[in-house]
Amino acid sequence: MSFALEDLPYAYDALAPYMSAETLEFHHDKHHMAYVTNGNKLLEGSGLEGKSLEEIVKESYGTNPGLFNNAGQHLNHLHFWKWMKPNGGGTSLPGVLAKKIDEDLGGFDKFRSEFINAGLTQFGSGWAWLAVKDGKLAVMKTPNGENPIVHGATPILGCDVWEHSYYIDYRNARPKYLEAFVDNLINWEHVEELYSAAV
C-alpha cells in the first residue's frame, strides 16, 4: 500500500473558534502531508510494502524508526481529523460508551480529568489516548508518533499534543487546548464506532 492524504471531513473553518482554519491548513496540508510524503519514500525497499498501515506501524516499531515515525503519525492523523467535529465534545456520549466509561474509569468527569492530565504530562511531543486494553477502557499517553497498538491496546480516541496542533490558537496554553478538545470538539460517534470494532 502507499500512504495518501485524505481530505478533511469538514471545511477548514468548521471547528472555529476552538481550532482555527489557519491551524487546520498548516496541520493537515503541511504536517500530515509531510508524514505521507516521507512515509512513502521510507516504505520503498522496507520489505513492508503491500501490508496494511497498522501492520506497517507494528512491524516497523523498534526496527525502522524513520518509517515507524511517519507511518505512525499518518495512522494517528487519519483518525485525528475524524475524532473532531463541529459542535462536538461534552457529555452527550452514546449510551454504550457512557456506560463503559462509568464502569472502567469512574465516570465522565474522572475520564475528562485523566485524559486532560495525560495530555498535559506528556513531556514534549506526543498524544493522549482513550484505548481498549484487555477488554477495558484505559487512558494512556505516548511520545512522538507512537500509537497504543504497539503496546497491545486499541485506540478509540486520541488528542495530538504536538505544538503545531495548538500553538497558532493557544500559544503555550496546552491545558486550554485540551479542555477545548474534550468539551467542544470530540466526535463521540466516531469514538463509538472504533469502540464497537475493538470489542
N, C-alpha and C. Protein backbone atom coordinates (compact mmCIF):
# COMPACT_ATOMS: atom_id res chain seq x y z
N MET A 1 0.85 -1.20 0.00
CA MET A 1 0.00 0.00 0.00
C MET A 1 0.88 1.24 0.00
N SER A 2 0.36 2.32 -0.49
CA SER A 2 1.07 3.59 -0.31
C SER A 2 0.17 4.50 0.51
N PHE A 3 0.78 5.46 1.18
CA PHE A 3 0.03 6.37 2.03
C PHE A 3 -0.57 7.48 1.17
N ALA A 4 -1.74 7.96 1.54
CA ALA A 4 -2.39 9.05 0.82
C ALA A 4 -3.05 10.00 1.81
N LEU A 5 -2.99 11.28 1.49
CA LEU A 5 -3.63 12.29 2.35
C LEU A 5 -5.10 12.40 1.98
N GLU A 6 -5.97 12.12 2.93
CA GLU A 6 -7.41 12.25 2.69
C GLU A 6 -7.84 13.70 2.96
N ASP A 7 -8.91 14.12 2.31
CA ASP A 7 -9.46 15.46 2.59
C ASP A 7 -10.01 15.49 4.01
N LEU A 8 -10.03 16.68 4.59
CA LEU A 8 -10.68 16.84 5.89
C LEU A 8 -12.17 16.53 5.75
N PRO A 9 -12.81 15.99 6.79
CA PRO A 9 -14.24 15.68 6.70
C PRO A 9 -15.15 16.89 6.93
N TYR A 10 -14.56 18.09 6.99
CA TYR A 10 -15.33 19.33 7.20
C TYR A 10 -14.52 20.47 6.61
N ALA A 11 -15.12 21.64 6.52
CA ALA A 11 -14.42 22.82 6.00
C ALA A 11 -13.32 23.26 6.98
N TYR A 12 -12.32 23.97 6.47
CA TYR A 12 -11.20 24.41 7.31
C TYR A 12 -11.67 25.27 8.50
N ASP A 13 -12.73 26.02 8.30
CA ASP A 13 -13.18 26.91 9.39
C ASP A 13 -14.28 26.30 10.25
N ALA A 14 -14.58 25.01 10.04
CA ALA A 14 -15.72 24.38 10.72
C ALA A 14 -15.53 24.20 12.22
N LEU A 15 -14.29 24.16 12.68
CA LEU A 15 -14.03 23.89 14.11
C LEU A 15 -13.76 25.16 14.90
N ALA A 16 -13.82 26.30 14.24
CA ALA A 16 -13.60 27.58 14.93
C ALA A 16 -14.74 27.80 15.93
N PRO A 17 -14.48 28.48 17.05
CA PRO A 17 -13.22 29.14 17.43
C PRO A 17 -12.24 28.23 18.17
N TYR A 18 -12.56 26.94 18.30
CA TYR A 18 -11.73 26.05 19.13
C TYR A 18 -10.48 25.58 18.38
N MET A 19 -10.58 25.50 17.05
CA MET A 19 -9.43 25.21 16.21
C MET A 19 -9.62 26.01 14.93
N SER A 20 -8.66 26.87 14.63
CA SER A 20 -8.82 27.81 13.53
C SER A 20 -8.54 27.19 12.17
N ALA A 21 -9.03 27.86 11.14
CA ALA A 21 -8.74 27.44 9.76
C ALA A 21 -7.24 27.44 9.52
N GLU A 22 -6.54 28.42 10.08
CA GLU A 22 -5.09 28.50 9.89
C GLU A 22 -4.39 27.27 10.48
N THR A 23 -4.81 26.87 11.67
CA THR A 23 -4.23 25.66 12.28
C THR A 23 -4.49 24.44 11.41
N LEU A 24 -5.72 24.27 10.96
CA LEU A 24 -6.05 23.09 10.14
C LEU A 24 -5.30 23.10 8.82
N GLU A 25 -5.15 24.27 8.21
CA GLU A 25 -4.40 24.34 6.95
C GLU A 25 -2.95 23.92 7.15
N PHE A 26 -2.32 24.43 8.19
CA PHE A 26 -0.92 24.06 8.46
C PHE A 26 -0.82 22.59 8.88
N HIS A 27 -1.68 22.18 9.80
CA HIS A 27 -1.57 20.85 10.40
C HIS A 27 -1.90 19.76 9.37
N HIS A 28 -3.00 19.92 8.66
CA HIS A 28 -3.42 18.92 7.68
C HIS A 28 -2.60 19.01 6.39
N ASP A 29 -2.55 20.19 5.81
CA ASP A 29 -1.96 20.33 4.47
C ASP A 29 -0.44 20.27 4.47
N LYS A 30 0.19 20.66 5.58
CA LYS A 30 1.67 20.68 5.61
C LYS A 30 2.22 19.52 6.46
N HIS A 31 1.82 19.47 7.74
CA HIS A 31 2.39 18.44 8.63
C HIS A 31 1.95 17.03 8.23
N HIS A 32 0.64 16.81 8.10
CA HIS A 32 0.18 15.47 7.73
C HIS A 32 0.71 15.10 6.35
N MET A 33 0.72 16.04 5.43
CA MET A 33 1.24 15.76 4.09
C MET A 33 2.71 15.33 4.14
N ALA A 34 3.49 15.93 5.04
CA ALA A 34 4.90 15.56 5.17
C ALA A 34 5.04 14.12 5.65
N TYR A 35 4.18 13.68 6.59
CA TYR A 35 4.23 12.29 7.04
C TYR A 35 3.91 11.34 5.89
N VAL A 36 2.96 11.71 5.05
CA VAL A 36 2.57 10.89 3.90
C VAL A 36 3.73 10.81 2.90
N THR A 37 4.30 11.97 2.55
CA THR A 37 5.38 12.02 1.56
C THR A 37 6.61 11.25 2.05
N ASN A 38 7.03 11.54 3.28
CA ASN A 38 8.21 10.87 3.84
C ASN A 38 7.95 9.39 4.07
N GLY A 39 6.75 9.06 4.52
CA GLY A 39 6.39 7.66 4.76
C GLY A 39 6.46 6.84 3.48
N ASN A 40 5.96 7.41 2.38
CA ASN A 40 6.01 6.69 1.10
C ASN A 40 7.44 6.44 0.65
N LYS A 41 8.32 7.43 0.84
CA LYS A 41 9.73 7.26 0.46
C LYS A 41 10.38 6.16 1.30
N LEU A 42 10.10 6.18 2.61
CA LEU A 42 10.72 5.22 3.53
C LEU A 42 10.13 3.82 3.40
N LEU A 43 8.92 3.74 2.88
CA LEU A 43 8.27 2.43 2.69
C LEU A 43 8.96 1.64 1.57
N GLU A 44 9.45 2.37 0.56
CA GLU A 44 10.12 1.71 -0.58
C GLU A 44 11.35 0.95 -0.10
N GLY A 45 11.40 -0.32 -0.43
CA GLY A 45 12.56 -1.14 -0.07
C GLY A 45 12.59 -1.57 1.39
N SER A 46 11.51 -1.31 2.13
CA SER A 46 11.48 -1.65 3.58
C SER A 46 11.11 -3.11 3.80
N GLY A 47 10.55 -3.75 2.76
CA GLY A 47 10.05 -5.11 2.93
C GLY A 47 8.63 -5.15 3.49
N LEU A 48 8.06 -3.97 3.74
CA LEU A 48 6.71 -3.91 4.31
C LEU A 48 5.67 -3.41 3.31
N GLU A 49 6.12 -3.21 2.05
CA GLU A 49 5.17 -2.78 1.03
C GLU A 49 4.07 -3.83 0.90
N GLY A 50 2.85 -3.37 0.68
CA GLY A 50 1.75 -4.31 0.50
C GLY A 50 1.05 -4.69 1.80
N LYS A 51 1.62 -4.30 2.92
CA LYS A 51 0.97 -4.59 4.20
C LYS A 51 0.03 -3.45 4.56
N SER A 52 -0.89 -3.69 5.51
CA SER A 52 -1.81 -2.64 5.94
C SER A 52 -1.03 -1.60 6.75
N LEU A 53 -1.62 -0.42 6.90
CA LEU A 53 -0.96 0.64 7.66
C LEU A 53 -0.69 0.19 9.10
N GLU A 54 -1.67 -0.47 9.71
CA GLU A 54 -1.48 -0.96 11.09
C GLU A 54 -0.33 -1.95 11.17
N GLU A 55 -0.24 -2.85 10.18
CA GLU A 55 0.86 -3.83 10.16
C GLU A 55 2.21 -3.14 9.99
N ILE A 56 2.24 -2.12 9.13
CA ILE A 56 3.49 -1.38 8.91
C ILE A 56 3.94 -0.72 10.21
N VAL A 57 2.98 -0.10 10.92
CA VAL A 57 3.30 0.56 12.19
C VAL A 57 3.84 -0.47 13.19
N LYS A 58 3.14 -1.58 13.35
CA LYS A 58 3.55 -2.60 14.32
C LYS A 58 4.91 -3.19 13.98
N GLU A 59 5.11 -3.50 12.69
CA GLU A 59 6.34 -4.20 12.30
C GLU A 59 7.55 -3.29 12.20
N SER A 60 7.33 -1.99 12.03
CA SER A 60 8.48 -1.07 11.97
C SER A 60 8.88 -0.56 13.35
N TYR A 61 8.03 -0.82 14.36
CA TYR A 61 8.30 -0.35 15.73
C TYR A 61 9.58 -1.01 16.26
N GLY A 62 10.55 -0.20 16.62
CA GLY A 62 11.79 -0.72 17.17
C GLY A 62 12.78 -1.24 16.15
N THR A 63 12.39 -1.26 14.86
CA THR A 63 13.30 -1.79 13.83
C THR A 63 13.61 -0.77 12.74
N ASN A 64 12.65 0.11 12.46
CA ASN A 64 12.82 1.08 11.38
C ASN A 64 12.23 2.41 11.87
N PRO A 65 12.99 3.17 12.68
CA PRO A 65 12.42 4.36 13.34
C PRO A 65 11.86 5.40 12.38
N GLY A 66 12.53 5.65 11.27
CA GLY A 66 12.05 6.65 10.32
C GLY A 66 10.69 6.30 9.76
N LEU A 67 10.57 5.06 9.29
CA LEU A 67 9.29 4.60 8.75
C LEU A 67 8.24 4.56 9.84
N PHE A 68 8.60 4.06 11.02
CA PHE A 68 7.65 3.98 12.12
C PHE A 68 7.08 5.36 12.47
N ASN A 69 7.96 6.36 12.60
CA ASN A 69 7.50 7.71 12.98
C ASN A 69 6.51 8.27 11.98
N ASN A 70 6.81 8.13 10.68
CA ASN A 70 5.93 8.71 9.66
C ASN A 70 4.66 7.89 9.46
N ALA A 71 4.77 6.57 9.49
CA ALA A 71 3.58 5.72 9.35
C ALA A 71 2.69 5.87 10.58
N GLY A 72 3.31 5.95 11.77
CA GLY A 72 2.54 6.13 13.00
C GLY A 72 1.77 7.43 13.00
N GLN A 73 2.45 8.50 12.58
CA GLN A 73 1.78 9.80 12.55
C GLN A 73 0.69 9.84 11.47
N HIS A 74 0.91 9.14 10.37
CA HIS A 74 -0.14 9.08 9.34
C HIS A 74 -1.37 8.36 9.90
N LEU A 75 -1.14 7.23 10.57
CA LEU A 75 -2.25 6.49 11.18
C LEU A 75 -2.97 7.35 12.22
N ASN A 76 -2.20 7.99 13.09
CA ASN A 76 -2.79 8.83 14.14
C ASN A 76 -3.66 9.94 13.54
N HIS A 77 -3.15 10.58 12.49
CA HIS A 77 -3.87 11.73 11.92
C HIS A 77 -5.08 11.32 11.09
N LEU A 78 -5.04 10.15 10.45
CA LEU A 78 -6.22 9.69 9.71
C LEU A 78 -7.44 9.69 10.63
N HIS A 79 -7.21 9.30 11.91
CA HIS A 79 -8.31 9.30 12.88
C HIS A 79 -8.49 10.65 13.55
N PHE A 80 -7.40 11.38 13.78
CA PHE A 80 -7.49 12.65 14.50
C PHE A 80 -8.52 13.58 13.85
N TRP A 81 -8.50 13.68 12.53
CA TRP A 81 -9.46 14.56 11.85
C TRP A 81 -10.89 14.08 12.08
N LYS A 82 -11.08 12.75 12.15
CA LYS A 82 -12.43 12.20 12.36
C LYS A 82 -12.84 12.23 13.83
N TRP A 83 -11.86 12.36 14.72
CA TRP A 83 -12.16 12.45 16.16
C TRP A 83 -12.71 13.81 16.55
N MET A 84 -12.77 14.72 15.57
CA MET A 84 -13.31 16.05 15.84
C MET A 84 -14.48 16.34 14.90
N LYS A 85 -15.40 17.20 15.37
CA LYS A 85 -16.50 17.64 14.51
C LYS A 85 -17.01 18.97 15.06
N PRO A 86 -17.68 19.75 14.21
CA PRO A 86 -18.30 20.98 14.72
C PRO A 86 -19.33 20.63 15.78
N ASN A 87 -19.43 21.45 16.81
CA ASN A 87 -20.41 21.24 17.90
C ASN A 87 -20.26 19.86 18.55
N GLY A 88 -19.02 19.44 18.70
CA GLY A 88 -18.77 18.14 19.32
C GLY A 88 -18.47 18.29 20.80
N GLY A 89 -17.90 17.21 21.35
CA GLY A 89 -17.44 17.22 22.73
C GLY A 89 -18.56 17.18 23.75
N GLY A 90 -18.18 17.44 24.98
CA GLY A 90 -19.16 17.45 26.06
C GLY A 90 -19.59 16.06 26.48
N THR A 91 -20.71 16.02 27.19
CA THR A 91 -21.14 14.78 27.84
C THR A 91 -22.20 14.01 27.06
N SER A 92 -22.48 14.42 25.82
CA SER A 92 -23.53 13.73 25.06
C SER A 92 -22.94 12.50 24.35
N LEU A 93 -22.54 11.51 25.15
CA LEU A 93 -21.93 10.29 24.63
C LEU A 93 -23.01 9.27 24.29
N PRO A 94 -22.74 8.44 23.29
CA PRO A 94 -23.64 7.31 23.05
C PRO A 94 -23.71 6.43 24.31
N GLY A 95 -24.87 5.85 24.57
CA GLY A 95 -25.12 5.13 25.81
C GLY A 95 -24.12 4.04 26.17
N VAL A 96 -23.77 3.22 25.19
CA VAL A 96 -22.86 2.09 25.44
C VAL A 96 -21.51 2.62 25.94
N LEU A 97 -21.04 3.67 25.30
CA LEU A 97 -19.74 4.26 25.65
C LEU A 97 -19.80 4.93 27.02
N ALA A 98 -20.88 5.65 27.28
CA ALA A 98 -21.05 6.32 28.58
C ALA A 98 -21.03 5.29 29.72
N LYS A 99 -21.71 4.16 29.50
CA LYS A 99 -21.77 3.10 30.50
C LYS A 99 -20.38 2.52 30.75
N LYS A 100 -19.63 2.31 29.67
CA LYS A 100 -18.28 1.73 29.77
C LYS A 100 -17.32 2.69 30.48
N ILE A 101 -17.46 3.98 30.21
CA ILE A 101 -16.63 4.99 30.90
C ILE A 101 -16.96 5.00 32.39
N ASP A 102 -18.25 4.88 32.71
CA ASP A 102 -18.65 4.78 34.13
C ASP A 102 -18.02 3.55 34.79
N GLU A 103 -18.12 2.41 34.11
CA GLU A 103 -17.64 1.14 34.67
C GLU A 103 -16.12 1.13 34.84
N ASP A 104 -15.40 1.51 33.78
CA ASP A 104 -13.94 1.32 33.77
C ASP A 104 -13.15 2.52 34.30
N LEU A 105 -13.73 3.72 34.17
CA LEU A 105 -12.95 4.92 34.50
C LEU A 105 -13.57 5.76 35.62
N GLY A 106 -14.68 5.29 36.17
CA GLY A 106 -15.28 6.01 37.30
C GLY A 106 -16.10 7.22 36.92
N GLY A 107 -16.59 7.24 35.67
CA GLY A 107 -17.47 8.33 35.24
C GLY A 107 -16.81 9.33 34.31
N PHE A 108 -17.65 10.14 33.67
CA PHE A 108 -17.15 11.07 32.66
C PHE A 108 -16.19 12.11 33.24
N ASP A 109 -16.52 12.68 34.39
CA ASP A 109 -15.67 13.73 34.96
C ASP A 109 -14.27 13.21 35.25
N LYS A 110 -14.21 11.98 35.74
CA LYS A 110 -12.91 11.37 36.04
C LYS A 110 -12.15 11.11 34.73
N PHE A 111 -12.86 10.59 33.70
CA PHE A 111 -12.24 10.40 32.39
C PHE A 111 -11.68 11.73 31.87
N ARG A 112 -12.52 12.79 31.93
CA ARG A 112 -12.10 14.10 31.41
C ARG A 112 -10.82 14.56 32.09
N SER A 113 -10.79 14.45 33.40
CA SER A 113 -9.64 14.88 34.17
C SER A 113 -8.39 14.05 33.83
N GLU A 114 -8.54 12.73 33.73
CA GLU A 114 -7.40 11.85 33.43
C GLU A 114 -6.89 12.07 32.01
N PHE A 115 -7.81 12.25 31.06
CA PHE A 115 -7.43 12.43 29.66
C PHE A 115 -6.67 13.75 29.49
N ILE A 116 -7.19 14.83 30.08
CA ILE A 116 -6.52 16.13 30.01
C ILE A 116 -5.15 16.05 30.69
N ASN A 117 -5.10 15.36 31.82
CA ASN A 117 -3.83 15.22 32.54
C ASN A 117 -2.80 14.42 31.73
N ALA A 118 -3.27 13.40 31.01
CA ALA A 118 -2.36 12.62 30.16
C ALA A 118 -1.73 13.52 29.10
N GLY A 119 -2.55 14.39 28.51
CA GLY A 119 -2.03 15.32 27.51
C GLY A 119 -1.09 16.35 28.09
N LEU A 120 -1.40 16.80 29.30
CA LEU A 120 -0.56 17.81 29.97
C LEU A 120 0.78 17.25 30.40
N THR A 121 0.79 16.01 30.86
CA THR A 121 2.00 15.43 31.42
C THR A 121 2.84 14.69 30.39
N GLN A 122 2.37 14.65 29.13
CA GLN A 122 3.21 14.08 28.07
C GLN A 122 4.30 15.10 27.75
N PHE A 123 5.50 14.83 28.22
CA PHE A 123 6.60 15.79 28.03
C PHE A 123 6.97 15.88 26.56
N GLY A 124 7.12 17.10 26.06
CA GLY A 124 7.47 17.28 24.65
C GLY A 124 6.28 16.92 23.77
N SER A 125 6.57 16.30 22.62
CA SER A 125 5.52 15.98 21.66
C SER A 125 4.93 14.60 21.95
N GLY A 126 3.67 14.43 21.57
CA GLY A 126 3.05 13.13 21.75
C GLY A 126 1.54 13.20 21.68
N TRP A 127 0.90 12.21 22.29
CA TRP A 127 -0.55 12.04 22.19
C TRP A 127 -1.15 11.61 23.53
N ALA A 128 -2.39 12.01 23.76
CA ALA A 128 -3.20 11.48 24.86
C ALA A 128 -4.25 10.57 24.23
N TRP A 129 -4.53 9.45 24.90
CA TRP A 129 -5.40 8.42 24.30
C TRP A 129 -6.47 7.91 25.26
N LEU A 130 -7.58 7.49 24.66
CA LEU A 130 -8.52 6.59 25.31
C LEU A 130 -8.45 5.32 24.48
N ALA A 131 -8.11 4.21 25.13
CA ALA A 131 -7.89 2.97 24.38
C ALA A 131 -8.59 1.80 25.06
N VAL A 132 -8.76 0.74 24.30
CA VAL A 132 -9.29 -0.51 24.85
C VAL A 132 -8.11 -1.46 25.03
N LYS A 133 -7.88 -1.89 26.27
CA LYS A 133 -6.80 -2.84 26.56
C LYS A 133 -7.36 -3.94 27.45
N ASP A 134 -7.19 -5.18 27.00
CA ASP A 134 -7.71 -6.35 27.74
C ASP A 134 -9.20 -6.18 28.06
N GLY A 135 -9.94 -5.64 27.08
CA GLY A 135 -11.39 -5.52 27.23
C GLY A 135 -11.87 -4.32 28.04
N LYS A 136 -10.93 -3.56 28.61
CA LYS A 136 -11.31 -2.40 29.43
C LYS A 136 -10.80 -1.11 28.81
N LEU A 137 -11.50 -0.01 29.13
CA LEU A 137 -11.04 1.30 28.69
C LEU A 137 -9.87 1.76 29.57
N ALA A 138 -8.91 2.40 28.94
CA ALA A 138 -7.76 2.93 29.67
C ALA A 138 -7.34 4.25 29.05
N VAL A 139 -6.95 5.20 29.89
CA VAL A 139 -6.36 6.45 29.41
C VAL A 139 -4.85 6.23 29.35
N MET A 140 -4.24 6.61 28.23
CA MET A 140 -2.82 6.40 28.02
C MET A 140 -2.21 7.66 27.43
N LYS A 141 -0.88 7.70 27.37
CA LYS A 141 -0.17 8.74 26.63
C LYS A 141 1.03 8.09 25.97
N THR A 142 1.43 8.63 24.84
CA THR A 142 2.61 8.11 24.14
C THR A 142 3.45 9.28 23.63
N PRO A 143 4.76 9.07 23.50
CA PRO A 143 5.61 10.12 22.95
C PRO A 143 5.57 10.15 21.42
N ASN A 144 5.86 11.29 20.87
CA ASN A 144 6.05 11.46 19.42
C ASN A 144 4.89 10.88 18.61
N GLY A 145 5.17 9.97 17.68
CA GLY A 145 4.11 9.42 16.84
C GLY A 145 3.65 8.04 17.26
N GLU A 146 4.04 7.64 18.47
CA GLU A 146 3.71 6.29 18.94
C GLU A 146 2.20 6.14 19.12
N ASN A 147 1.72 4.94 18.82
CA ASN A 147 0.29 4.63 18.89
C ASN A 147 0.10 3.46 19.86
N PRO A 148 -1.00 3.43 20.63
CA PRO A 148 -1.21 2.32 21.57
C PRO A 148 -1.19 0.93 20.94
N ILE A 149 -1.36 0.83 19.62
CA ILE A 149 -1.37 -0.52 19.01
C ILE A 149 -0.03 -1.24 19.20
N VAL A 150 1.05 -0.49 19.43
CA VAL A 150 2.34 -1.16 19.65
C VAL A 150 2.48 -1.59 21.11
N HIS A 151 1.50 -1.26 21.94
CA HIS A 151 1.51 -1.65 23.35
C HIS A 151 0.32 -2.56 23.67
N GLY A 152 -0.20 -3.23 22.65
CA GLY A 152 -1.27 -4.19 22.87
C GLY A 152 -2.63 -3.59 23.17
N ALA A 153 -2.82 -2.32 22.80
CA ALA A 153 -4.11 -1.65 23.04
C ALA A 153 -4.66 -1.13 21.72
N THR A 154 -5.96 -0.86 21.70
CA THR A 154 -6.61 -0.32 20.51
C THR A 154 -7.13 1.07 20.81
N PRO A 155 -6.56 2.11 20.17
CA PRO A 155 -7.03 3.46 20.46
C PRO A 155 -8.41 3.72 19.88
N ILE A 156 -9.25 4.38 20.69
CA ILE A 156 -10.58 4.77 20.17
C ILE A 156 -10.74 6.29 20.18
N LEU A 157 -9.80 7.00 20.84
CA LEU A 157 -9.81 8.46 20.85
C LEU A 157 -8.38 8.93 21.11
N GLY A 158 -7.94 9.93 20.35
CA GLY A 158 -6.60 10.47 20.58
C GLY A 158 -6.59 11.97 20.37
N CYS A 159 -5.78 12.65 21.17
CA CYS A 159 -5.59 14.09 21.01
C CYS A 159 -4.11 14.37 20.80
N ASP A 160 -3.81 15.03 19.71
CA ASP A 160 -2.44 15.39 19.33
C ASP A 160 -1.96 16.54 20.21
N VAL A 161 -0.87 16.33 20.96
CA VAL A 161 -0.32 17.43 21.76
C VAL A 161 1.04 17.91 21.26
N TRP A 162 1.33 17.64 19.99
CA TRP A 162 2.47 18.30 19.35
C TRP A 162 2.13 19.79 19.29
N GLU A 163 3.13 20.64 19.45
CA GLU A 163 2.85 22.09 19.49
C GLU A 163 2.16 22.60 18.23
N HIS A 164 2.47 22.00 17.08
CA HIS A 164 1.85 22.52 15.84
C HIS A 164 0.34 22.32 15.82
N SER A 165 -0.18 21.47 16.70
CA SER A 165 -1.63 21.26 16.71
C SER A 165 -2.38 22.34 17.48
N TYR A 166 -1.65 23.13 18.28
CA TYR A 166 -2.37 24.14 19.07
C TYR A 166 -1.69 25.50 19.17
N TYR A 167 -0.43 25.63 18.73
CA TYR A 167 0.31 26.85 19.04
C TYR A 167 -0.26 28.11 18.38
N ILE A 168 -0.78 27.98 17.18
CA ILE A 168 -1.35 29.15 16.49
C ILE A 168 -2.53 29.71 17.30
N ASP A 169 -3.35 28.81 17.85
CA ASP A 169 -4.58 29.24 18.54
C ASP A 169 -4.39 29.48 20.03
N TYR A 170 -3.51 28.71 20.67
CA TYR A 170 -3.42 28.75 22.13
C TYR A 170 -2.03 29.13 22.65
N ARG A 171 -1.09 29.38 21.73
CA ARG A 171 0.30 29.62 22.13
C ARG A 171 0.75 28.47 23.04
N ASN A 172 1.27 28.77 24.23
CA ASN A 172 1.80 27.69 25.08
C ASN A 172 0.76 27.15 26.06
N ALA A 173 -0.50 27.51 25.89
CA ALA A 173 -1.55 27.10 26.85
C ALA A 173 -2.14 25.74 26.47
N ARG A 174 -1.32 24.72 26.61
CA ARG A 174 -1.78 23.36 26.28
C ARG A 174 -3.03 22.96 27.07
N PRO A 175 -3.15 23.34 28.37
CA PRO A 175 -4.37 22.96 29.10
C PRO A 175 -5.65 23.48 28.45
N LYS A 176 -5.61 24.74 27.98
CA LYS A 176 -6.82 25.31 27.35
C LYS A 176 -7.19 24.56 26.07
N TYR A 177 -6.17 24.17 25.31
CA TYR A 177 -6.39 23.39 24.08
C TYR A 177 -7.03 22.04 24.41
N LEU A 178 -6.51 21.35 25.41
CA LEU A 178 -7.04 20.03 25.78
C LEU A 178 -8.47 20.15 26.30
N GLU A 179 -8.74 21.18 27.08
CA GLU A 179 -10.11 21.40 27.58
C GLU A 179 -11.07 21.67 26.41
N ALA A 180 -10.63 22.49 25.47
CA ALA A 180 -11.48 22.79 24.31
C ALA A 180 -11.73 21.54 23.48
N PHE A 181 -10.71 20.70 23.36
CA PHE A 181 -10.86 19.45 22.60
C PHE A 181 -11.93 18.56 23.23
N VAL A 182 -11.84 18.34 24.54
CA VAL A 182 -12.80 17.45 25.22
C VAL A 182 -14.19 18.07 25.27
N ASP A 183 -14.25 19.35 25.55
CA ASP A 183 -15.55 19.99 25.79
C ASP A 183 -16.30 20.40 24.52
N ASN A 184 -15.55 20.61 23.43
CA ASN A 184 -16.19 21.21 22.24
C ASN A 184 -15.90 20.55 20.90
N LEU A 185 -15.00 19.58 20.85
CA LEU A 185 -14.59 19.06 19.55
C LEU A 185 -14.78 17.57 19.34
N ILE A 186 -14.78 16.76 20.38
CA ILE A 186 -14.78 15.30 20.18
C ILE A 186 -16.01 14.84 19.41
N ASN A 187 -15.75 14.00 18.42
CA ASN A 187 -16.81 13.34 17.65
C ASN A 187 -17.07 11.99 18.32
N TRP A 188 -17.99 11.96 19.28
CA TRP A 188 -18.23 10.75 20.06
C TRP A 188 -18.76 9.60 19.20
N GLU A 189 -19.42 9.93 18.09
CA GLU A 189 -19.94 8.86 17.21
C GLU A 189 -18.78 8.07 16.60
N HIS A 190 -17.71 8.77 16.21
CA HIS A 190 -16.54 8.08 15.65
C HIS A 190 -15.86 7.24 16.73
N VAL A 191 -15.81 7.78 17.94
CA VAL A 191 -15.23 7.04 19.08
C VAL A 191 -16.01 5.75 19.31
N GLU A 192 -17.34 5.87 19.25
CA GLU A 192 -18.17 4.67 19.47
C GLU A 192 -17.98 3.64 18.37
N GLU A 193 -17.86 4.10 17.13
CA GLU A 193 -17.61 3.16 16.02
C GLU A 193 -16.33 2.36 16.27
N LEU A 194 -15.27 3.06 16.69
CA LEU A 194 -14.00 2.40 16.95
C LEU A 194 -14.09 1.48 18.17
N TYR A 195 -14.88 1.90 19.17
CA TYR A 195 -15.06 1.06 20.35
C TYR A 195 -15.77 -0.25 19.95
N SER A 196 -16.83 -0.12 19.17
CA SER A 196 -17.57 -1.31 18.73
C SER A 196 -16.68 -2.26 17.95
N ALA A 197 -15.83 -1.69 17.08
CA ALA A 197 -14.92 -2.53 16.29
C ALA A 197 -13.88 -3.19 17.18
N ALA A 198 -13.45 -2.49 18.23
CA ALA A 198 -12.39 -3.01 19.12
C ALA A 198 -12.88 -4.16 19.98
N VAL A 199 -14.17 -4.14 20.34
CA VAL A 199 -14.68 -5.19 21.23
C VAL A 199 -15.47 -6.25 20.44
